[in-house]
Amino acid sequence: MPFELTEEEGSYLVKLARKAIENYLRTGKTISTPKDVPTRLAEKCGVFVTLNSVSSGKKELRGCIGFPAPVMPLVKAAIDSAISAAVSDPRFPQVKPNELGSIVVEISVLTPPELIKAKAPDDYPKLIRIGKDGLIVERGLSSGLLLPQVPVEWDWNEEEFLSHCCLKAGLPPDSWLVSGTKIYRFQAIIFEEESPNGKVKRVQLSESGR
């Protein structure tokens, strides 16, 4: 992965994301992009912001939205994604201000998606690295994305990862085997709060041996 971030830069992004959410829930307004951002954070980059509730003692998804492609500066994309994850994820009701004390913020900074070129569809599992690659499935107007941490959290193998990404796109789970379906992979640098509004750490995923 040619693009790298330091712990300080990752922490900056996560804290900025939380600030953006807190401000939006309080005022209904989007914070301005900071002017004194580190140079790398001003580069265009794909990013996803994930909100996990820890109120029950275990992490439960509370929202996740982002930009797969590098369409805007990273800091701007992080702000917009954070707010959208809190109030616009169609799978969940809007986050309420009193929930923020039990939500941890996670940011995944993405490499540009790369089309996987397989000789035959059943070769795709051999070209995917669990714990390293995220996936995008495209067929017609349908598209679904899953971050690299998802198959690790759910203990999926490569075939299960592909099938669930098809489901995310609203497609039958075996659509990755159908000619004409496009599969893209990407990698991510992941930072998250250790506790709500707490210290930020880099997340290292373990590669599956399967």
N, C-alpha and C. Protein backbone atom coordinates (compact mmCIF):
# COMPACT_ATOMS: atom_id res chain seq x y z
N MET A 1 0.85 -1.19 0.00
CA MET A 1 0.00 0.00 0.00
C MET A 1 0.89 1.25 0.00
N PRO A 2 0.95 1.95 -1.13
CA PRO A 2 1.84 3.10 -1.24
C PRO A 2 1.43 4.27 -0.35
N PHE A 3 0.13 4.44 -0.15
CA PHE A 3 -0.35 5.54 0.68
C PHE A 3 -0.34 5.10 2.13
N GLU A 4 0.30 5.86 2.99
CA GLU A 4 0.37 5.51 4.42
C GLU A 4 -0.07 6.69 5.27
N LEU A 5 -0.45 6.38 6.48
CA LEU A 5 -0.81 7.41 7.45
C LEU A 5 -0.13 7.10 8.78
N THR A 6 0.28 8.15 9.49
CA THR A 6 0.86 7.96 10.81
C THR A 6 -0.26 7.81 11.84
N GLU A 7 0.12 7.38 13.03
CA GLU A 7 -0.85 7.29 14.13
C GLU A 7 -1.47 8.66 14.40
N GLU A 8 -0.65 9.70 14.31
CA GLU A 8 -1.14 11.05 14.58
C GLU A 8 -2.17 11.48 13.54
N GLU A 9 -1.89 11.16 12.28
CA GLU A 9 -2.83 11.52 11.21
C GLU A 9 -4.14 10.74 11.34
N GLY A 10 -4.02 9.45 11.69
CA GLY A 10 -5.21 8.65 11.89
C GLY A 10 -6.06 9.17 13.04
N SER A 11 -5.38 9.53 14.14
CA SER A 11 -6.08 10.07 15.29
C SER A 11 -6.77 11.39 14.94
N TYR A 12 -6.10 12.20 14.16
CA TYR A 12 -6.66 13.48 13.72
C TYR A 12 -7.98 13.24 12.98
N LEU A 13 -7.99 12.27 12.06
CA LEU A 13 -9.18 11.99 11.26
C LEU A 13 -10.34 11.50 12.12
N VAL A 14 -10.03 10.58 13.04
CA VAL A 14 -11.09 10.02 13.89
C VAL A 14 -11.69 11.11 14.78
N LYS A 15 -10.84 11.93 15.36
CA LYS A 15 -11.34 13.01 16.24
C LYS A 15 -12.14 14.04 15.43
N LEU A 16 -11.70 14.28 14.18
CA LEU A 16 -12.43 15.21 13.31
C LEU A 16 -13.80 14.63 12.97
N ALA A 17 -13.86 13.33 12.73
CA ALA A 17 -15.14 12.68 12.43
C ALA A 17 -16.10 12.81 13.60
N ARG A 18 -15.61 12.55 14.81
CA ARG A 18 -16.48 12.68 15.99
C ARG A 18 -16.94 14.13 16.17
N LYS A 19 -16.03 15.07 15.99
CA LYS A 19 -16.40 16.48 16.12
C LYS A 19 -17.49 16.85 15.11
N ALA A 20 -17.36 16.33 13.87
CA ALA A 20 -18.35 16.63 12.83
C ALA A 20 -19.72 16.10 13.22
N ILE A 21 -19.76 14.89 13.78
CA ILE A 21 -21.02 14.29 14.20
C ILE A 21 -21.64 15.09 15.35
N GLU A 22 -20.82 15.36 16.37
CA GLU A 22 -21.32 16.10 17.53
C GLU A 22 -21.90 17.45 17.12
N ASN A 23 -21.19 18.15 16.25
CA ASN A 23 -21.64 19.48 15.82
C ASN A 23 -22.93 19.38 15.02
N TYR A 24 -23.00 18.39 14.13
CA TYR A 24 -24.19 18.27 13.28
C TYR A 24 -25.42 17.91 14.11
N LEU A 25 -25.26 17.01 15.07
CA LEU A 25 -26.40 16.62 15.90
C LEU A 25 -26.86 17.78 16.78
N ARG A 26 -25.94 18.64 17.12
CA ARG A 26 -26.27 19.78 17.98
C ARG A 26 -26.86 20.95 17.21
N THR A 27 -26.32 21.22 16.00
CA THR A 27 -26.69 22.43 15.26
C THR A 27 -27.35 22.18 13.91
N GLY A 28 -27.22 20.96 13.39
CA GLY A 28 -27.74 20.68 12.05
C GLY A 28 -26.85 21.22 10.95
N LYS A 29 -25.64 21.64 11.31
CA LYS A 29 -24.72 22.22 10.32
C LYS A 29 -23.44 21.38 10.20
N THR A 30 -22.86 21.40 9.00
CA THR A 30 -21.61 20.70 8.73
C THR A 30 -20.44 21.60 9.06
N ILE A 31 -19.48 21.09 9.82
CA ILE A 31 -18.31 21.91 10.16
C ILE A 31 -17.49 22.20 8.91
N SER A 32 -16.77 23.29 8.95
CA SER A 32 -15.89 23.65 7.84
C SER A 32 -14.66 22.75 7.83
N THR A 33 -14.10 22.55 6.65
CA THR A 33 -12.86 21.79 6.55
C THR A 33 -11.74 22.57 7.21
N PRO A 34 -11.01 21.99 8.16
CA PRO A 34 -9.93 22.72 8.81
C PRO A 34 -8.89 23.20 7.80
N LYS A 35 -8.29 24.33 8.10
CA LYS A 35 -7.29 24.89 7.18
C LYS A 35 -5.88 24.38 7.47
N ASP A 36 -5.66 23.89 8.68
CA ASP A 36 -4.30 23.51 9.07
C ASP A 36 -4.11 21.99 9.04
N VAL A 37 -4.71 21.33 8.05
CA VAL A 37 -4.64 19.87 8.02
C VAL A 37 -3.27 19.40 7.54
N PRO A 38 -2.80 18.25 8.02
CA PRO A 38 -1.57 17.67 7.48
C PRO A 38 -1.70 17.45 5.97
N THR A 39 -0.60 17.60 5.26
CA THR A 39 -0.62 17.58 3.79
C THR A 39 -1.30 16.33 3.24
N ARG A 40 -0.98 15.16 3.80
CA ARG A 40 -1.52 13.92 3.25
C ARG A 40 -3.03 13.84 3.41
N LEU A 41 -3.56 14.50 4.42
CA LEU A 41 -5.00 14.45 4.65
C LEU A 41 -5.77 15.37 3.72
N ALA A 42 -5.04 16.18 2.95
CA ALA A 42 -5.68 17.04 1.95
C ALA A 42 -5.73 16.36 0.58
N GLU A 43 -5.09 15.20 0.47
CA GLU A 43 -5.12 14.46 -0.80
C GLU A 43 -6.47 13.79 -1.00
N LYS A 44 -6.86 13.61 -2.25
CA LYS A 44 -8.11 12.92 -2.55
C LYS A 44 -7.95 11.44 -2.24
N CYS A 45 -8.94 10.90 -1.53
CA CYS A 45 -8.84 9.51 -1.09
C CYS A 45 -10.22 8.98 -0.74
N GLY A 46 -10.45 7.70 -1.00
CA GLY A 46 -11.68 7.06 -0.56
C GLY A 46 -11.65 6.83 0.94
N VAL A 47 -12.80 6.88 1.57
CA VAL A 47 -12.85 6.71 3.02
C VAL A 47 -14.24 6.24 3.44
N PHE A 48 -14.30 5.43 4.48
CA PHE A 48 -15.56 5.04 5.11
C PHE A 48 -15.46 5.32 6.60
N VAL A 49 -16.56 5.79 7.16
CA VAL A 49 -16.67 5.98 8.60
C VAL A 49 -17.68 4.98 9.14
N THR A 50 -17.24 4.21 10.14
CA THR A 50 -18.09 3.20 10.77
C THR A 50 -18.34 3.59 12.21
N LEU A 51 -19.59 3.53 12.63
CA LEU A 51 -19.98 3.79 14.02
C LEU A 51 -20.41 2.48 14.64
N ASN A 52 -19.80 2.13 15.76
CA ASN A 52 -20.16 0.91 16.48
C ASN A 52 -20.65 1.24 17.88
N SER A 53 -21.81 0.74 18.23
CA SER A 53 -22.35 0.92 19.58
C SER A 53 -21.73 -0.12 20.51
N VAL A 54 -21.30 0.30 21.67
CA VAL A 54 -20.74 -0.62 22.66
C VAL A 54 -21.58 -0.61 23.93
N SER A 55 -22.83 -0.17 23.83
CA SER A 55 -23.69 -0.05 25.01
C SER A 55 -24.03 -1.40 25.62
N SER A 56 -24.03 -2.45 24.80
CA SER A 56 -24.38 -3.79 25.30
C SER A 56 -23.15 -4.57 25.78
N GLY A 57 -21.97 -3.93 25.71
CA GLY A 57 -20.74 -4.61 26.12
C GLY A 57 -20.01 -5.25 24.97
N LYS A 58 -20.65 -5.31 23.81
CA LYS A 58 -19.98 -5.80 22.61
C LYS A 58 -20.26 -4.83 21.47
N LYS A 59 -19.41 -4.85 20.44
CA LYS A 59 -19.57 -3.91 19.34
C LYS A 59 -20.73 -4.33 18.43
N GLU A 60 -21.62 -3.38 18.17
CA GLU A 60 -22.72 -3.61 17.25
C GLU A 60 -22.77 -2.45 16.26
N LEU A 61 -22.86 -2.76 14.98
CA LEU A 61 -22.87 -1.73 13.95
C LEU A 61 -24.01 -0.76 14.17
N ARG A 62 -23.68 0.54 14.08
CA ARG A 62 -24.69 1.61 14.26
C ARG A 62 -24.79 2.50 13.04
N GLY A 63 -23.85 2.36 12.11
CA GLY A 63 -23.87 3.15 10.88
C GLY A 63 -22.55 3.03 10.15
N CYS A 64 -22.60 3.03 8.83
CA CYS A 64 -21.36 2.95 8.04
C CYS A 64 -21.64 3.48 6.64
N ILE A 65 -20.99 4.58 6.29
CA ILE A 65 -21.16 5.20 4.98
C ILE A 65 -19.82 5.82 4.57
N GLY A 66 -19.58 5.87 3.26
CA GLY A 66 -18.35 6.49 2.81
C GLY A 66 -18.29 6.65 1.31
N PHE A 67 -17.09 6.94 0.85
CA PHE A 67 -16.81 7.16 -0.57
C PHE A 67 -15.78 6.11 -1.03
N PRO A 68 -16.17 5.17 -1.89
CA PRO A 68 -15.22 4.15 -2.35
C PRO A 68 -14.07 4.71 -3.18
N ALA A 69 -14.35 5.75 -3.95
CA ALA A 69 -13.35 6.30 -4.86
C ALA A 69 -12.78 7.62 -4.32
N PRO A 70 -11.57 7.97 -4.75
CA PRO A 70 -10.95 9.23 -4.30
C PRO A 70 -11.52 10.43 -5.04
N VAL A 71 -12.67 10.92 -4.59
CA VAL A 71 -13.37 11.99 -5.30
C VAL A 71 -13.22 13.36 -4.64
N MET A 72 -12.70 13.39 -3.39
CA MET A 72 -12.53 14.67 -2.71
C MET A 72 -11.43 14.55 -1.67
N PRO A 73 -10.91 15.67 -1.17
CA PRO A 73 -9.87 15.60 -0.14
C PRO A 73 -10.31 14.74 1.04
N LEU A 74 -9.37 14.00 1.60
CA LEU A 74 -9.67 13.04 2.65
C LEU A 74 -10.39 13.67 3.83
N VAL A 75 -9.95 14.84 4.27
CA VAL A 75 -10.60 15.47 5.43
C VAL A 75 -12.06 15.80 5.14
N LYS A 76 -12.35 16.29 3.94
CA LYS A 76 -13.72 16.62 3.56
C LYS A 76 -14.56 15.35 3.47
N ALA A 77 -13.99 14.31 2.87
CA ALA A 77 -14.71 13.04 2.74
C ALA A 77 -14.99 12.44 4.11
N ALA A 78 -14.05 12.59 5.04
CA ALA A 78 -14.23 12.05 6.39
C ALA A 78 -15.36 12.78 7.11
N ILE A 79 -15.41 14.09 6.98
CA ILE A 79 -16.47 14.88 7.61
C ILE A 79 -17.84 14.47 7.07
N ASP A 80 -17.96 14.43 5.74
CA ASP A 80 -19.24 14.10 5.11
C ASP A 80 -19.67 12.67 5.43
N SER A 81 -18.71 11.74 5.41
CA SER A 81 -19.03 10.34 5.70
C SER A 81 -19.46 10.15 7.14
N ALA A 82 -18.81 10.85 8.05
CA ALA A 82 -19.15 10.73 9.47
C ALA A 82 -20.58 11.18 9.73
N ILE A 83 -20.93 12.32 9.17
CA ILE A 83 -22.30 12.83 9.36
C ILE A 83 -23.31 11.87 8.73
N SER A 84 -23.01 11.40 7.53
CA SER A 84 -23.93 10.48 6.85
C SER A 84 -24.09 9.18 7.61
N ALA A 85 -22.99 8.66 8.17
CA ALA A 85 -23.06 7.42 8.95
C ALA A 85 -23.97 7.60 10.16
N ALA A 86 -23.98 8.80 10.71
CA ALA A 86 -24.79 9.07 11.91
C ALA A 86 -26.26 9.31 11.61
N VAL A 87 -26.56 9.92 10.46
CA VAL A 87 -27.95 10.34 10.23
C VAL A 87 -28.57 9.82 8.93
N SER A 88 -27.78 9.22 8.05
CA SER A 88 -28.32 8.87 6.72
C SER A 88 -28.18 7.41 6.33
N ASP A 89 -27.67 6.55 7.22
CA ASP A 89 -27.59 5.14 6.90
C ASP A 89 -29.01 4.57 6.93
N PRO A 90 -29.54 4.10 5.80
CA PRO A 90 -30.94 3.67 5.74
C PRO A 90 -31.25 2.44 6.60
N ARG A 91 -30.22 1.75 7.07
CA ARG A 91 -30.43 0.56 7.89
C ARG A 91 -30.74 0.87 9.35
N PHE A 92 -30.49 2.14 9.75
CA PHE A 92 -30.61 2.48 11.16
C PHE A 92 -31.33 3.80 11.34
N PRO A 93 -31.97 4.01 12.50
CA PRO A 93 -32.49 5.34 12.81
C PRO A 93 -31.34 6.31 13.05
N GLN A 94 -31.60 7.59 12.98
CA GLN A 94 -30.55 8.57 13.21
C GLN A 94 -29.98 8.43 14.62
N VAL A 95 -28.67 8.64 14.72
CA VAL A 95 -28.03 8.63 16.03
C VAL A 95 -28.54 9.82 16.84
N LYS A 96 -28.85 9.57 18.10
CA LYS A 96 -29.27 10.65 19.00
C LYS A 96 -28.04 11.15 19.79
N PRO A 97 -28.03 12.42 20.14
CA PRO A 97 -26.87 12.97 20.86
C PRO A 97 -26.48 12.16 22.10
N ASN A 98 -27.47 11.64 22.84
CA ASN A 98 -27.13 10.91 24.06
C ASN A 98 -26.54 9.53 23.80
N GLU A 99 -26.51 9.10 22.52
CA GLU A 99 -25.89 7.82 22.16
C GLU A 99 -24.38 7.93 21.99
N LEU A 100 -23.89 9.14 21.76
CA LEU A 100 -22.48 9.30 21.41
C LEU A 100 -21.54 8.82 22.51
N GLY A 101 -22.02 8.80 23.74
CA GLY A 101 -21.19 8.32 24.84
C GLY A 101 -21.01 6.82 24.85
N SER A 102 -21.72 6.11 23.96
CA SER A 102 -21.57 4.66 23.87
C SER A 102 -21.26 4.20 22.45
N ILE A 103 -20.74 5.13 21.63
CA ILE A 103 -20.39 4.82 20.25
C ILE A 103 -18.90 5.06 20.02
N VAL A 104 -18.24 4.08 19.41
CA VAL A 104 -16.85 4.26 19.01
C VAL A 104 -16.80 4.55 17.51
N VAL A 105 -15.93 5.46 17.14
CA VAL A 105 -15.79 5.90 15.75
C VAL A 105 -14.59 5.20 15.11
N GLU A 106 -14.81 4.68 13.92
CA GLU A 106 -13.76 3.98 13.17
C GLU A 106 -13.67 4.58 11.78
N ILE A 107 -12.45 4.78 11.30
CA ILE A 107 -12.25 5.32 9.95
C ILE A 107 -11.39 4.36 9.15
N SER A 108 -11.83 4.08 7.92
CA SER A 108 -11.07 3.24 6.99
C SER A 108 -10.71 4.09 5.78
N VAL A 109 -9.41 4.31 5.57
CA VAL A 109 -8.92 5.08 4.43
C VAL A 109 -8.56 4.08 3.32
N LEU A 110 -9.16 4.25 2.15
CA LEU A 110 -9.09 3.22 1.11
C LEU A 110 -8.08 3.54 0.01
N THR A 111 -7.49 2.49 -0.52
CA THR A 111 -6.75 2.62 -1.77
C THR A 111 -7.76 2.62 -2.92
N PRO A 112 -7.39 3.14 -4.10
CA PRO A 112 -8.33 3.13 -5.22
C PRO A 112 -8.72 1.70 -5.60
N PRO A 113 -10.00 1.45 -5.90
CA PRO A 113 -10.43 0.10 -6.28
C PRO A 113 -9.70 -0.40 -7.53
N GLU A 114 -9.35 -1.68 -7.50
CA GLU A 114 -8.62 -2.32 -8.61
C GLU A 114 -9.45 -3.48 -9.13
N LEU A 115 -9.74 -3.48 -10.44
CA LEU A 115 -10.51 -4.56 -11.04
C LEU A 115 -9.70 -5.86 -10.97
N ILE A 116 -10.31 -6.92 -10.43
CA ILE A 116 -9.66 -8.22 -10.36
C ILE A 116 -9.86 -8.92 -11.70
N LYS A 117 -8.77 -9.28 -12.34
CA LYS A 117 -8.85 -9.95 -13.64
C LYS A 117 -8.64 -11.45 -13.44
N ALA A 118 -9.72 -12.20 -13.55
CA ALA A 118 -9.67 -13.64 -13.37
C ALA A 118 -9.91 -14.33 -14.71
N LYS A 119 -9.21 -15.44 -14.93
CA LYS A 119 -9.41 -16.19 -16.17
C LYS A 119 -10.81 -16.78 -16.23
N ALA A 120 -11.32 -17.17 -15.07
CA ALA A 120 -12.67 -17.70 -14.96
C ALA A 120 -13.24 -17.26 -13.62
N PRO A 121 -14.58 -17.10 -13.51
CA PRO A 121 -15.16 -16.62 -12.25
C PRO A 121 -14.79 -17.45 -11.03
N ASP A 122 -14.64 -18.77 -11.19
CA ASP A 122 -14.32 -19.58 -10.01
C ASP A 122 -12.88 -19.42 -9.55
N ASP A 123 -12.11 -18.56 -10.26
CA ASP A 123 -10.75 -18.23 -9.81
C ASP A 123 -10.75 -17.08 -8.80
N TYR A 124 -11.85 -16.35 -8.67
CA TYR A 124 -11.88 -15.18 -7.80
C TYR A 124 -11.43 -15.48 -6.36
N PRO A 125 -11.90 -16.56 -5.74
CA PRO A 125 -11.49 -16.80 -4.35
C PRO A 125 -9.99 -16.89 -4.16
N LYS A 126 -9.28 -17.39 -5.17
CA LYS A 126 -7.82 -17.52 -5.07
C LYS A 126 -7.12 -16.17 -5.19
N LEU A 127 -7.83 -15.16 -5.65
CA LEU A 127 -7.23 -13.84 -5.88
C LEU A 127 -7.60 -12.84 -4.78
N ILE A 128 -8.26 -13.33 -3.74
CA ILE A 128 -8.70 -12.47 -2.64
C ILE A 128 -7.97 -12.87 -1.36
N ARG A 129 -7.53 -11.87 -0.59
CA ARG A 129 -6.82 -12.11 0.67
C ARG A 129 -7.69 -11.64 1.83
N ILE A 130 -8.23 -12.60 2.57
CA ILE A 130 -9.02 -12.26 3.75
C ILE A 130 -8.11 -11.57 4.76
N GLY A 131 -8.56 -10.44 5.29
CA GLY A 131 -7.75 -9.67 6.23
C GLY A 131 -6.92 -8.59 5.56
N LYS A 132 -6.91 -8.59 4.24
CA LYS A 132 -6.19 -7.56 3.48
C LYS A 132 -7.11 -6.80 2.53
N ASP A 133 -7.94 -7.54 1.78
CA ASP A 133 -8.73 -6.93 0.72
C ASP A 133 -10.16 -6.65 1.14
N GLY A 134 -10.65 -5.48 0.72
CA GLY A 134 -12.08 -5.22 0.71
C GLY A 134 -12.58 -5.50 -0.70
N LEU A 135 -13.89 -5.64 -0.87
CA LEU A 135 -14.44 -6.01 -2.17
C LEU A 135 -15.56 -5.07 -2.60
N ILE A 136 -15.65 -4.88 -3.91
CA ILE A 136 -16.78 -4.22 -4.53
C ILE A 136 -17.29 -5.14 -5.63
N VAL A 137 -18.58 -5.44 -5.61
CA VAL A 137 -19.21 -6.24 -6.66
C VAL A 137 -20.09 -5.32 -7.49
N GLU A 138 -19.95 -5.37 -8.81
CA GLU A 138 -20.78 -4.57 -9.71
C GLU A 138 -21.40 -5.46 -10.77
N ARG A 139 -22.69 -5.30 -10.96
CA ARG A 139 -23.38 -5.97 -12.06
C ARG A 139 -24.52 -5.07 -12.50
N GLY A 140 -24.44 -4.58 -13.74
CA GLY A 140 -25.43 -3.63 -14.21
C GLY A 140 -25.39 -2.38 -13.36
N LEU A 141 -26.54 -1.97 -12.85
CA LEU A 141 -26.62 -0.78 -12.00
C LEU A 141 -26.46 -1.11 -10.53
N SER A 142 -26.27 -2.39 -10.22
CA SER A 142 -26.16 -2.82 -8.83
C SER A 142 -24.70 -2.83 -8.38
N SER A 143 -24.46 -2.37 -7.16
CA SER A 143 -23.10 -2.32 -6.62
C SER A 143 -23.14 -2.52 -5.12
N GLY A 144 -22.20 -3.30 -4.60
CA GLY A 144 -22.10 -3.52 -3.17
C GLY A 144 -20.65 -3.52 -2.72
N LEU A 145 -20.38 -2.96 -1.55
CA LEU A 145 -19.02 -2.86 -1.02
C LEU A 145 -18.98 -3.41 0.40
N LEU A 146 -17.93 -4.16 0.69
CA LEU A 146 -17.66 -4.61 2.06
C LEU A 146 -16.21 -4.32 2.39
N LEU A 147 -15.97 -3.74 3.55
CA LEU A 147 -14.62 -3.37 3.98
C LEU A 147 -13.81 -4.61 4.37
N PRO A 148 -12.48 -4.51 4.39
CA PRO A 148 -11.63 -5.67 4.70
C PRO A 148 -11.88 -6.28 6.07
N GLN A 149 -12.33 -5.45 7.03
CA GLN A 149 -12.53 -5.97 8.38
C GLN A 149 -13.78 -6.84 8.51
N VAL A 150 -14.71 -6.73 7.56
CA VAL A 150 -15.99 -7.44 7.68
C VAL A 150 -15.83 -8.97 7.67
N PRO A 151 -15.12 -9.56 6.69
CA PRO A 151 -15.00 -11.02 6.70
C PRO A 151 -14.21 -11.54 7.89
N VAL A 152 -13.30 -10.72 8.43
CA VAL A 152 -12.54 -11.13 9.62
C VAL A 152 -13.47 -11.19 10.82
N GLU A 153 -14.33 -10.16 10.96
CA GLU A 153 -15.26 -10.10 12.09
C GLU A 153 -16.27 -11.24 12.06
N TRP A 154 -16.66 -11.65 10.85
CA TRP A 154 -17.68 -12.69 10.71
C TRP A 154 -17.08 -14.07 10.42
N ASP A 155 -15.76 -14.15 10.34
CA ASP A 155 -15.08 -15.42 10.09
C ASP A 155 -15.53 -16.07 8.78
N TRP A 156 -15.63 -15.25 7.73
CA TRP A 156 -16.00 -15.76 6.41
C TRP A 156 -14.77 -16.25 5.66
N ASN A 157 -14.95 -17.24 4.80
CA ASN A 157 -13.90 -17.58 3.85
C ASN A 157 -14.11 -16.75 2.58
N GLU A 158 -13.27 -16.97 1.57
CA GLU A 158 -13.31 -16.13 0.37
C GLU A 158 -14.65 -16.23 -0.36
N GLU A 159 -15.18 -17.46 -0.49
CA GLU A 159 -16.46 -17.64 -1.18
C GLU A 159 -17.60 -16.95 -0.43
N GLU A 160 -17.58 -17.05 0.88
CA GLU A 160 -18.62 -16.40 1.68
C GLU A 160 -18.51 -14.87 1.56
N PHE A 161 -17.29 -14.37 1.53
CA PHE A 161 -17.06 -12.94 1.37
C PHE A 161 -17.66 -12.45 0.05
N LEU A 162 -17.39 -13.17 -1.03
CA LEU A 162 -17.92 -12.81 -2.34
C LEU A 162 -19.45 -12.87 -2.34
N SER A 163 -20.00 -13.89 -1.74
CA SER A 163 -21.46 -14.06 -1.73
C SER A 163 -22.14 -12.95 -0.95
N HIS A 164 -21.58 -12.58 0.21
CA HIS A 164 -22.17 -11.53 1.02
C HIS A 164 -22.02 -10.17 0.34
N CYS A 165 -20.96 -9.99 -0.42
CA CYS A 165 -20.81 -8.73 -1.15
C CYS A 165 -21.87 -8.64 -2.26
N CYS A 166 -22.19 -9.78 -2.88
CA CYS A 166 -23.28 -9.81 -3.86
C CYS A 166 -24.61 -9.45 -3.20
N LEU A 167 -24.86 -10.02 -2.02
CA LEU A 167 -26.08 -9.71 -1.29
C LEU A 167 -26.16 -8.23 -0.94
N LYS A 168 -24.99 -7.64 -0.58
CA LYS A 168 -24.93 -6.21 -0.26
C LYS A 168 -25.34 -5.38 -1.48
N ALA A 169 -25.06 -5.90 -2.67
CA ALA A 169 -25.42 -5.21 -3.90
C ALA A 169 -26.86 -5.47 -4.31
N GLY A 170 -27.58 -6.29 -3.53
CA GLY A 170 -28.95 -6.63 -3.88
C GLY A 170 -29.04 -7.69 -4.94
N LEU A 171 -27.98 -8.48 -5.09
CA LEU A 171 -27.90 -9.52 -6.10
C LEU A 171 -27.98 -10.90 -5.45
N PRO A 172 -28.31 -11.94 -6.21
CA PRO A 172 -28.23 -13.30 -5.67
C PRO A 172 -26.81 -13.60 -5.21
N PRO A 173 -26.63 -14.42 -4.18
CA PRO A 173 -25.30 -14.64 -3.61
C PRO A 173 -24.29 -15.28 -4.55
N ASP A 174 -24.76 -15.97 -5.60
CA ASP A 174 -23.83 -16.61 -6.52
C ASP A 174 -23.56 -15.76 -7.76
N SER A 175 -23.91 -14.47 -7.72
CA SER A 175 -23.74 -13.60 -8.88
C SER A 175 -22.28 -13.41 -9.27
N TRP A 176 -21.37 -13.62 -8.30
CA TRP A 176 -19.95 -13.47 -8.63
C TRP A 176 -19.48 -14.54 -9.60
N LEU A 177 -20.25 -15.61 -9.75
CA LEU A 177 -19.90 -16.68 -10.69
C LEU A 177 -20.48 -16.46 -12.08
N VAL A 178 -21.29 -15.41 -12.23
CA VAL A 178 -21.96 -15.15 -13.50
C VAL A 178 -21.09 -14.24 -14.36
N SER A 179 -20.92 -14.62 -15.61
CA SER A 179 -20.11 -13.81 -16.54
C SER A 179 -20.68 -12.40 -16.64
N GLY A 180 -19.80 -11.42 -16.63
CA GLY A 180 -20.22 -10.03 -16.73
C GLY A 180 -20.24 -9.30 -15.41
N THR A 181 -20.18 -10.04 -14.31
CA THR A 181 -20.09 -9.41 -12.99
C THR A 181 -18.65 -8.94 -12.77
N LYS A 182 -18.49 -7.72 -12.32
CA LYS A 182 -17.16 -7.17 -12.08
C LYS A 182 -16.85 -7.20 -10.59
N ILE A 183 -15.65 -7.65 -10.26
CA ILE A 183 -15.20 -7.69 -8.86
C ILE A 183 -13.97 -6.80 -8.72
N TYR A 184 -14.02 -5.88 -7.78
CA TYR A 184 -12.90 -5.00 -7.50
C TYR A 184 -12.39 -5.28 -6.08
N ARG A 185 -11.10 -5.06 -5.87
CA ARG A 185 -10.55 -5.16 -4.52
C ARG A 185 -9.86 -3.85 -4.16
N PHE A 186 -9.72 -3.63 -2.87
CA PHE A 186 -9.02 -2.46 -2.37
C PHE A 186 -8.48 -2.82 -0.99
N GLN A 187 -7.57 -2.00 -0.49
CA GLN A 187 -7.07 -2.18 0.87
C GLN A 187 -7.45 -0.96 1.70
N ALA A 188 -7.27 -1.07 3.01
CA ALA A 188 -7.66 0.03 3.89
C ALA A 188 -6.69 0.18 5.04
N ILE A 189 -6.46 1.43 5.43
CA ILE A 189 -5.75 1.76 6.66
C ILE A 189 -6.85 2.11 7.66
N ILE A 190 -6.90 1.40 8.79
CA ILE A 190 -8.04 1.51 9.70
C ILE A 190 -7.60 2.06 11.06
N PHE A 191 -8.32 3.06 11.54
CA PHE A 191 -8.10 3.62 12.87
C PHE A 191 -9.43 3.66 13.61
N GLU A 192 -9.41 3.37 14.92
CA GLU A 192 -10.64 3.44 15.70
C GLU A 192 -10.35 3.87 17.13
N GLU A 193 -11.38 4.37 17.77
CA GLU A 193 -11.29 4.71 19.18
C GLU A 193 -11.28 3.43 20.01
N GLU A 194 -10.45 3.39 21.04
CA GLU A 194 -10.44 2.23 21.93
C GLU A 194 -11.68 2.20 22.81
N SER A 195 -12.24 3.37 23.07
CA SER A 195 -13.48 3.53 23.83
C SER A 195 -14.13 4.80 23.32
N PRO A 196 -15.42 5.02 23.60
CA PRO A 196 -16.08 6.23 23.11
C PRO A 196 -15.31 7.51 23.47
N ASN A 197 -14.92 8.24 22.44
CA ASN A 197 -14.16 9.49 22.60
C ASN A 197 -12.83 9.27 23.31
N GLY A 198 -12.30 8.04 23.20
CA GLY A 198 -11.05 7.71 23.86
C GLY A 198 -9.85 7.73 22.93
N LYS A 199 -8.78 7.10 23.36
CA LYS A 199 -7.55 7.04 22.57
C LYS A 199 -7.80 6.32 21.25
N VAL A 200 -7.13 6.81 20.21
CA VAL A 200 -7.28 6.22 18.88
C VAL A 200 -6.12 5.27 18.60
N LYS A 201 -6.43 4.10 18.06
CA LYS A 201 -5.41 3.12 17.73
C LYS A 201 -5.56 2.69 16.28
N ARG A 202 -4.47 2.20 15.70
CA ARG A 202 -4.54 1.61 14.37
C ARG A 202 -4.98 0.15 14.51
N VAL A 203 -5.88 -0.28 13.64
CA VAL A 203 -6.39 -1.64 13.66
C VAL A 203 -5.59 -2.50 12.69
N GLN A 204 -5.01 -3.57 13.21
CA GLN A 204 -4.26 -4.52 12.37
C GLN A 204 -5.11 -5.78 12.23
N LEU A 205 -5.52 -6.08 11.00
CA LEU A 205 -6.34 -7.26 10.76
C LEU A 205 -5.43 -8.48 10.61
N SER A 206 -5.90 -9.61 11.09
CA SER A 206 -5.14 -10.84 10.92
C SER A 206 -5.59 -11.53 9.64
N GLU A 207 -4.62 -11.94 8.83
CA GLU A 207 -4.94 -12.64 7.60
C GLU A 207 -5.39 -14.06 7.89
N SER A 208 -6.41 -14.48 7.15
CA SER A 208 -6.89 -15.85 7.31
C SER A 208 -5.95 -16.81 6.61
N GLY A 209 -5.76 -17.96 7.19
CA GLY A 209 -4.91 -18.97 6.56
C GLY A 209 -5.66 -19.83 5.58
N ARG A 210 -6.98 -19.56 5.45
CA ARG A 210 -7.77 -20.41 4.57
C ARG A 210 -7.55 -20.04 3.12
